[in-house]
Amino acid sequence: MQASRLSSKGQIVIPKEVRETLGLKPGQTVVFVTVGNTVTLVPQRDISDLRGIIKGADISNYRDRSDLEDTRGLGG
């Protein structure tokens, strides 16, 4: 487990091992996601990084909005 100390200016150094694991580069934006007392650091990726992410996905059980409405008794 890696640790870092909060400075008086509220800054934290991300340990080298963590930066390398996450592939963080200088100047890159990260997002802090908080849930209760837990903070998760998430690298903000460029939208182009998502290209091809669902290639080959099985969509045979895909349900569209009309299917969802029908199961709630709201469909026509």
PDB file of N, CA and C in Angstrom:
ATOM      1  N   MET A   1       0.840  -1.169   0.000  1.00  0.00           N
ATOM      2  CA  MET A   1       0.000   0.000   0.000  1.00  0.00           C
ATOM      3  C   MET A   1       0.891   1.240   0.000  1.00  0.00           C
ATOM      4  N   GLN A   2       0.561   2.175  -0.843  1.00  0.00           N
ATOM      5  CA  GLN A   2       1.319   3.419  -0.932  1.00  0.00           C
ATOM      6  C   GLN A   2       0.630   4.489  -0.091  1.00  0.00           C
ATOM      7  N   ALA A   3       1.410   5.392   0.492  1.00  0.00           N
ATOM      8  CA  ALA A   3       0.858   6.463   1.313  1.00  0.00           C
ATOM      9  C   ALA A   3       1.496   7.788   0.927  1.00  0.00           C
ATOM     10  N   SER A   4       0.795   8.857   1.199  1.00  0.00           N
ATOM     11  CA  SER A   4       1.297  10.194   0.938  1.00  0.00           C
ATOM     12  C   SER A   4       0.740  11.121   2.003  1.00  0.00           C
ATOM     13  N   ARG A   5       1.433  12.201   2.265  1.00  0.00           N
ATOM     14  CA  ARG A   5       1.024  13.139   3.307  1.00  0.00           C
ATOM     15  C   ARG A   5       0.457  14.406   2.675  1.00  0.00           C
ATOM     16  N   LEU A   6      -0.641  14.894   3.215  1.00  0.00           N
ATOM     17  CA  LEU A   6      -1.283  16.125   2.748  1.00  0.00           C
ATOM     18  C   LEU A   6      -0.461  17.318   3.214  1.00  0.00           C
ATOM     19  N   SER A   7      -0.108  18.216   2.289  1.00  0.00           N
ATOM     20  CA  SER A   7       0.679  19.398   2.653  1.00  0.00           C
ATOM     21  C   SER A   7      -0.234  20.467   3.253  1.00  0.00           C
ATOM     22  N   SER A   8       0.367  21.509   3.804  1.00  0.00           N
ATOM     23  CA  SER A   8      -0.406  22.612   4.389  1.00  0.00           C
ATOM     24  C   SER A   8      -1.216  23.351   3.326  1.00  0.00           C
ATOM     25  N   LYS A   9      -0.848  23.177   2.049  1.00  0.00           N
ATOM     26  CA  LYS A   9      -1.583  23.794   0.947  1.00  0.00           C
ATOM     27  C   LYS A   9      -2.640  22.852   0.361  1.00  0.00           C
ATOM     28  N   GLY A  10      -2.822  21.684   0.996  1.00  0.00           N
ATOM     29  CA  GLY A  10      -3.823  20.730   0.526  1.00  0.00           C
ATOM     30  C   GLY A  10      -3.357  19.898  -0.653  1.00  0.00           C
ATOM     31  N   GLN A  11      -2.049  19.812  -0.862  1.00  0.00           N
ATOM     32  CA  GLN A  11      -1.507  19.062  -1.989  1.00  0.00           C
ATOM     33  C   GLN A  11      -1.041  17.677  -1.547  1.00  0.00           C
ATOM     34  N   ILE A  12      -1.164  16.730  -2.492  1.00  0.00           N
ATOM     35  CA  ILE A  12      -0.721  15.364  -2.248  1.00  0.00           C
ATOM     36  C   ILE A  12       0.158  14.940  -3.420  1.00  0.00           C
ATOM     37  N   VAL A  13       1.259  14.270  -3.111  1.00  0.00           N
ATOM     38  CA  VAL A  13       2.099  13.693  -4.156  1.00  0.00           C
ATOM     39  C   VAL A  13       1.609  12.275  -4.401  1.00  0.00           C
ATOM     40  N   ILE A  14       1.302  11.956  -5.646  1.00  0.00           N
ATOM     41  CA  ILE A  14       0.898  10.596  -5.985  1.00  0.00           C
ATOM     42  C   ILE A  14       2.181   9.789  -6.155  1.00  0.00           C
ATOM     43  N   PRO A  15       2.346   8.733  -5.375  1.00  0.00           N
ATOM     44  CA  PRO A  15       3.587   7.950  -5.454  1.00  0.00           C
ATOM     45  C   PRO A  15       3.864   7.445  -6.874  1.00  0.00           C
ATOM     46  N   LYS A  16       5.140   7.369  -7.221  1.00  0.00           N
ATOM     47  CA  LYS A  16       5.562   6.973  -8.556  1.00  0.00           C
ATOM     48  C   LYS A  16       4.937   5.643  -8.976  1.00  0.00           C
ATOM     49  N   GLU A  17       4.931   4.659  -8.098  1.00  0.00           N
ATOM     50  CA  GLU A  17       4.379   3.349  -8.423  1.00  0.00           C
ATOM     51  C   GLU A  17       2.898   3.456  -8.823  1.00  0.00           C
ATOM     52  N   VAL A  18       2.152   4.299  -8.118  1.00  0.00           N
ATOM     53  CA  VAL A  18       0.726   4.489  -8.433  1.00  0.00           C
ATOM     54  C   VAL A  18       0.580   5.204  -9.768  1.00  0.00           C
ATOM     55  N   ARG A  19       1.382   6.246 -10.001  1.00  0.00           N
ATOM     56  CA  ARG A  19       1.334   6.971 -11.284  1.00  0.00           C
ATOM     57  C   ARG A  19       1.617   6.031 -12.442  1.00  0.00           C
ATOM     58  N   GLU A  20       2.613   5.179 -12.273  1.00  0.00           N
ATOM     59  CA  GLU A  20       2.959   4.238 -13.342  1.00  0.00           C
ATOM     60  C   GLU A  20       1.850   3.207 -13.560  1.00  0.00           C
ATOM     61  N   THR A  21       1.265   2.705 -12.480  1.00  0.00           N
ATOM     62  CA  THR A  21       0.187   1.728 -12.583  1.00  0.00           C
ATOM     63  C   THR A  21      -1.015   2.309 -13.319  1.00  0.00           C
ATOM     64  N   LEU A  22      -1.352   3.560 -13.006  1.00  0.00           N
ATOM     65  CA  LEU A  22      -2.503   4.213 -13.639  1.00  0.00           C
ATOM     66  C   LEU A  22      -2.170   4.843 -14.986  1.00  0.00           C
ATOM     67  N   GLY A  23      -0.890   4.900 -15.307  1.00  0.00           N
ATOM     68  CA  GLY A  23      -0.481   5.509 -16.569  1.00  0.00           C
ATOM     69  C   GLY A  23      -0.660   7.021 -16.570  1.00  0.00           C
ATOM     70  N   LEU A  24      -0.499   7.638 -15.402  1.00  0.00           N
ATOM     71  CA  LEU A  24      -0.672   9.089 -15.289  1.00  0.00           C
ATOM     72  C   LEU A  24       0.541   9.816 -15.850  1.00  0.00           C
ATOM     73  N   LYS A  25       0.262  10.903 -16.552  1.00  0.00           N
ATOM     74  CA  LYS A  25       1.315  11.728 -17.149  1.00  0.00           C
ATOM     75  C   LYS A  25       1.230  13.139 -16.572  1.00  0.00           C
ATOM     76  N   PRO A  26       2.343  13.879 -16.546  1.00  0.00           N
ATOM     77  CA  PRO A  26       2.313  15.262 -16.055  1.00  0.00           C
ATOM     78  C   PRO A  26       1.281  16.094 -16.826  1.00  0.00           C
ATOM     79  N   GLY A  27       0.506  16.862 -16.091  1.00  0.00           N
ATOM     80  CA  GLY A  27      -0.503  17.716 -16.712  1.00  0.00           C
ATOM     81  C   GLY A  27      -1.854  17.041 -16.927  1.00  0.00           C
ATOM     82  N   GLN A  28      -1.910  15.731 -16.723  1.00  0.00           N
ATOM     83  CA  GLN A  28      -3.163  14.999 -16.921  1.00  0.00           C
ATOM     84  C   GLN A  28      -4.138  15.335 -15.795  1.00  0.00           C
ATOM     85  N   THR A  29      -5.418  15.395 -16.124  1.00  0.00           N
ATOM     86  CA  THR A  29      -6.457  15.670 -15.140  1.00  0.00           C
ATOM     87  C   THR A  29      -6.907  14.370 -14.485  1.00  0.00           C
ATOM     88  N   VAL A  30      -7.106  14.436 -13.180  1.00  0.00           N
ATOM     89  CA  VAL A  30      -7.659  13.299 -12.442  1.00  0.00           C
ATOM     90  C   VAL A  30      -8.936  13.779 -11.746  1.00  0.00           C
ATOM     91  N   VAL A  31      -9.841  12.855 -11.502  1.00  0.00           N
ATOM     92  CA  VAL A  31     -11.113  13.156 -10.861  1.00  0.00           C
ATOM     93  C   VAL A  31     -11.128  12.472  -9.504  1.00  0.00           C
ATOM     94  N   PHE A  32     -11.584  13.183  -8.482  1.00  0.00           N
ATOM     95  CA  PHE A  32     -11.724  12.627  -7.146  1.00  0.00           C
ATOM     96  C   PHE A  32     -13.189  12.275  -6.935  1.00  0.00           C
ATOM     97  N   VAL A  33     -13.468  11.002  -6.753  1.00  0.00           N
ATOM     98  CA  VAL A  33     -14.830  10.528  -6.519  1.00  0.00           C
ATOM     99  C   VAL A  33     -14.937  10.182  -5.042  1.00  0.00           C
ATOM    100  N   THR A  34     -15.883  10.824  -4.351  1.00  0.00           N
ATOM    101  CA  THR A  34     -16.040  10.566  -2.923  1.00  0.00           C
ATOM    102  C   THR A  34     -17.358   9.851  -2.646  1.00  0.00           C
ATOM    103  N   VAL A  35     -17.271   8.824  -1.827  1.00  0.00           N
ATOM    104  CA  VAL A  35     -18.440   8.098  -1.343  1.00  0.00           C
ATOM    105  C   VAL A  35     -18.220   7.908   0.151  1.00  0.00           C
ATOM    106  N   GLY A  36     -19.010   8.604   0.949  1.00  0.00           N
ATOM    107  CA  GLY A  36     -18.801   8.556   2.397  1.00  0.00           C
ATOM    108  C   GLY A  36     -17.424   9.088   2.735  1.00  0.00           C
ATOM    109  N   ASN A  37     -16.639   8.297   3.458  1.00  0.00           N
ATOM    110  CA  ASN A  37     -15.279   8.697   3.840  1.00  0.00           C
ATOM    111  C   ASN A  37     -14.220   8.141   2.910  1.00  0.00           C
ATOM    112  N   THR A  38     -14.636   7.638   1.751  1.00  0.00           N
ATOM    113  CA  THR A  38     -13.692   7.041   0.802  1.00  0.00           C
ATOM    114  C   THR A  38     -13.520   7.943  -0.408  1.00  0.00           C
ATOM    115  N   VAL A  39     -12.277   8.124  -0.827  1.00  0.00           N
ATOM    116  CA  VAL A  39     -11.963   8.914  -2.011  1.00  0.00           C
ATOM    117  C   VAL A  39     -11.289   7.999  -3.026  1.00  0.00           C
ATOM    118  N   THR A  40     -11.790   8.024  -4.253  1.00  0.00           N
ATOM    119  CA  THR A  40     -11.190   7.249  -5.329  1.00  0.00           C
ATOM    120  C   THR A  40     -10.629   8.210  -6.357  1.00  0.00           C
ATOM    121  N   LEU A  41      -9.402   7.994  -6.749  1.00  0.00           N
ATOM    122  CA  LEU A  41      -8.734   8.817  -7.751  1.00  0.00           C
ATOM    123  C   LEU A  41      -8.889   8.143  -9.103  1.00  0.00           C
ATOM    124  N   VAL A  42      -9.507   8.848 -10.050  1.00  0.00           N
ATOM    125  CA  VAL A  42      -9.784   8.273 -11.362  1.00  0.00           C
ATOM    126  C   VAL A  42      -9.149   9.148 -12.439  1.00  0.00           C
ATOM    127  N   PRO A  43      -8.284   8.578 -13.284  1.00  0.00           N
ATOM    128  CA  PRO A  43      -7.706   9.366 -14.371  1.00  0.00           C
ATOM    129  C   PRO A  43      -8.799   9.749 -15.360  1.00  0.00           C
ATOM    130  N   GLN A  44      -8.835  11.015 -15.744  1.00  0.00           N
ATOM    131  CA  GLN A  44      -9.792  11.447 -16.748  1.00  0.00           C
ATOM    132  C   GLN A  44      -9.199  11.109 -18.115  1.00  0.00           C
ATOM    133  N   ARG A  45      -9.930  10.339 -18.878  1.00  0.00           N
ATOM    134  CA  ARG A  45      -9.450   9.891 -20.179  1.00  0.00           C
ATOM    135  C   ARG A  45     -10.087  10.707 -21.293  1.00  0.00           C
ATOM    136  N   ASP A  46      -9.418  10.755 -22.406  1.00  0.00           N
ATOM    137  CA  ASP A  46      -9.948  11.411 -23.595  1.00  0.00           C
ATOM    138  C   ASP A  46     -11.014  10.523 -24.213  1.00  0.00           C
ATOM    139  N   ILE A  47     -12.025  11.102 -24.804  1.00  0.00           N
ATOM    140  CA  ILE A  47     -13.114  10.332 -25.397  1.00  0.00           C
ATOM    141  C   ILE A  47     -12.588   9.376 -26.476  1.00  0.00           C
ATOM    142  N   SER A  48     -11.510   9.732 -27.119  1.00  0.00           N
ATOM    143  CA  SER A  48     -10.954   8.861 -28.161  1.00  0.00           C
ATOM    144  C   SER A  48     -10.423   7.551 -27.572  1.00  0.00           C
ATOM    145  N   ASP A  49     -10.130   7.528 -26.259  1.00  0.00           N
ATOM    146  CA  ASP A  49      -9.672   6.305 -25.610  1.00  0.00           C
ATOM    147  C   ASP A  49     -10.763   5.233 -25.581  1.00  0.00           C
ATOM    148  N   LEU A  50     -12.017   5.634 -25.766  1.00  0.00           N
ATOM    149  CA  LEU A  50     -13.135   4.697 -25.727  1.00  0.00           C
ATOM    150  C   LEU A  50     -13.381   3.998 -27.061  1.00  0.00           C
ATOM    151  N   ARG A  51     -12.728   4.465 -28.104  1.00  0.00           N
ATOM    152  CA  ARG A  51     -12.940   3.873 -29.432  1.00  0.00           C
ATOM    153  C   ARG A  51     -12.656   2.372 -29.389  1.00  0.00           C
ATOM    154  N   GLY A  52     -13.645   1.578 -29.841  1.00  0.00           N
ATOM    155  CA  GLY A  52     -13.499   0.136 -29.919  1.00  0.00           C
ATOM    156  C   GLY A  52     -13.727  -0.601 -28.613  1.00  0.00           C
ATOM    157  N   ILE A  53     -14.158   0.096 -27.562  1.00  0.00           N
ATOM    158  CA  ILE A  53     -14.272  -0.541 -26.252  1.00  0.00           C
ATOM    159  C   ILE A  53     -15.345  -1.633 -26.215  1.00  0.00           C
ATOM    160  N   ILE A  54     -16.387  -1.516 -27.056  1.00  0.00           N
ATOM    161  CA  ILE A  54     -17.434  -2.538 -27.027  1.00  0.00           C
ATOM    162  C   ILE A  54     -17.422  -3.430 -28.267  1.00  0.00           C
ATOM    163  N   LYS A  55     -16.349  -3.374 -29.015  1.00  0.00           N
ATOM    164  CA  LYS A  55     -16.225  -4.213 -30.198  1.00  0.00           C
ATOM    165  C   LYS A  55     -16.358  -5.680 -29.798  1.00  0.00           C
ATOM    166  N   GLY A  56     -17.242  -6.374 -30.471  1.00  0.00           N
ATOM    167  CA  GLY A  56     -17.439  -7.788 -30.197  1.00  0.00           C
ATOM    168  C   GLY A  56     -18.377  -8.070 -29.037  1.00  0.00           C
ATOM    169  N   ALA A  57     -19.027  -7.021 -28.506  1.00  0.00           N
ATOM    170  CA  ALA A  57     -19.943  -7.235 -27.376  1.00  0.00           C
ATOM    171  C   ALA A  57     -21.163  -8.020 -27.831  1.00  0.00           C
ATOM    172  N   ASP A  58     -21.659  -8.891 -26.965  1.00  0.00           N
ATOM    173  CA  ASP A  58     -22.853  -9.683 -27.247  1.00  0.00           C
ATOM    174  C   ASP A  58     -24.083  -8.829 -26.957  1.00  0.00           C
ATOM    175  N   ILE A  59     -24.815  -8.456 -27.987  1.00  0.00           N
ATOM    176  CA  ILE A  59     -26.010  -7.623 -27.811  1.00  0.00           C
ATOM    177  C   ILE A  59     -27.282  -8.428 -28.026  1.00  0.00           C
ATOM    178  N   SER A  60     -27.195  -9.756 -27.961  1.00  0.00           N
ATOM    179  CA  SER A  60     -28.356 -10.593 -28.220  1.00  0.00           C
ATOM    180  C   SER A  60     -29.444 -10.413 -27.155  1.00  0.00           C
ATOM    181  N   ASN A  61     -29.082 -10.031 -25.951  1.00  0.00           N
ATOM    182  CA  ASN A  61     -30.071  -9.818 -24.896  1.00  0.00           C
ATOM    183  C   ASN A  61     -30.336  -8.342 -24.641  1.00  0.00           C
ATOM    184  N   TYR A  62     -30.002  -7.504 -25.601  1.00  0.00           N
ATOM    185  CA  TYR A  62     -30.190  -6.060 -25.455  1.00  0.00           C
ATOM    186  C   TYR A  62     -31.668  -5.722 -25.397  1.00  0.00           C
ATOM    187  N   ARG A  63     -32.027  -4.869 -24.469  1.00  0.00           N
ATOM    188  CA  ARG A  63     -33.412  -4.414 -24.350  1.00  0.00           C
ATOM    189  C   ARG A  63     -33.446  -2.926 -24.610  1.00  0.00           C
ATOM    190  N   ASP A  64     -34.396  -2.487 -25.436  1.00  0.00           N
ATOM    191  CA  ASP A  64     -34.510  -1.055 -25.680  1.00  0.00           C
ATOM    192  C   ASP A  64     -35.542  -0.447 -24.738  1.00  0.00           C
ATOM    193  N   ARG A  65     -35.731   0.844 -24.826  1.00  0.00           N
ATOM    194  CA  ARG A  65     -36.617   1.561 -23.924  1.00  0.00           C
ATOM    195  C   ARG A  65     -38.055   1.031 -23.984  1.00  0.00           C
ATOM    196  N   SER A  66     -38.544   0.655 -25.162  1.00  0.00           N
ATOM    197  CA  SER A  66     -39.915   0.169 -25.259  1.00  0.00           C
ATOM    198  C   SER A  66     -40.092  -1.135 -24.481  1.00  0.00           C
ATOM    199  N   ASP A  67     -39.076  -1.993 -24.461  1.00  0.00           N
ATOM    200  CA  ASP A  67     -39.144  -3.214 -23.657  1.00  0.00           C
ATOM    201  C   ASP A  67     -39.252  -2.882 -22.177  1.00  0.00           C
ATOM    202  N   LEU A  68     -38.473  -1.918 -21.730  1.00  0.00           N
ATOM    203  CA  LEU A  68     -38.471  -1.509 -20.326  1.00  0.00           C
ATOM    204  C   LEU A  68     -39.843  -0.969 -19.935  1.00  0.00           C
ATOM    205  N   GLU A  69     -40.416  -0.102 -20.778  1.00  0.00           N
ATOM    206  CA  GLU A  69     -41.727   0.464 -20.480  1.00  0.00           C
ATOM    207  C   GLU A  69     -42.797  -0.621 -20.427  1.00  0.00           C
ATOM    208  N   ASP A  70     -42.718  -1.622 -21.303  1.00  0.00           N
ATOM    209  CA  ASP A  70     -43.696  -2.698 -21.311  1.00  0.00           C
ATOM    210  C   ASP A  70     -43.665  -3.484 -20.008  1.00  0.00           C
ATOM    211  N   THR A  71     -42.479  -3.678 -19.424  1.00  0.00           N
ATOM    212  CA  THR A  71     -42.385  -4.453 -18.189  1.00  0.00           C
ATOM    213  C   THR A  71     -42.926  -3.674 -17.001  1.00  0.00           C
ATOM    214  N   ARG A  72     -43.012  -2.369 -17.114  1.00  0.00           N
ATOM    215  CA  ARG A  72     -43.551  -1.536 -16.035  1.00  0.00           C
ATOM    216  C   ARG A  72     -45.043  -1.280 -16.209  1.00  0.00           C
ATOM    217  N   GLY A  73     -45.619  -1.814 -17.298  1.00  0.00           N
ATOM    218  CA  GLY A  73     -47.023  -1.586 -17.544  1.00  0.00           C
ATOM    219  C   GLY A  73     -47.304  -0.214 -18.125  1.00  0.00           C
ATOM    220  N   LEU A  74     -46.247   0.443 -18.641  1.00  0.00           N
ATOM    221  CA  LEU A  74     -46.413   1.780 -19.186  1.00  0.00           C
ATOM    222  C   LEU A  74     -46.455   1.791 -20.698  1.00  0.00           C
ATOM    223  N   GLY A  75     -46.073   0.683 -21.324  1.00  0.00           N
ATOM    224  CA  GLY A  75     -45.989   0.638 -22.778  1.00  0.00           C
ATOM    225  C   GLY A  75     -47.363   0.561 -23.424  1.00  0.00           C
ATOM    226  N   GLY A  76     -47.353   0.821 -24.748  1.00  0.00           N
ATOM    227  CA  GLY A  76     -48.606   0.881 -25.486  1.00  0.00           C
ATOM    228  C   GLY A  76     -49.002  -0.426 -25.965  1.00  0.00           C
TER     229      GLY A  76
END
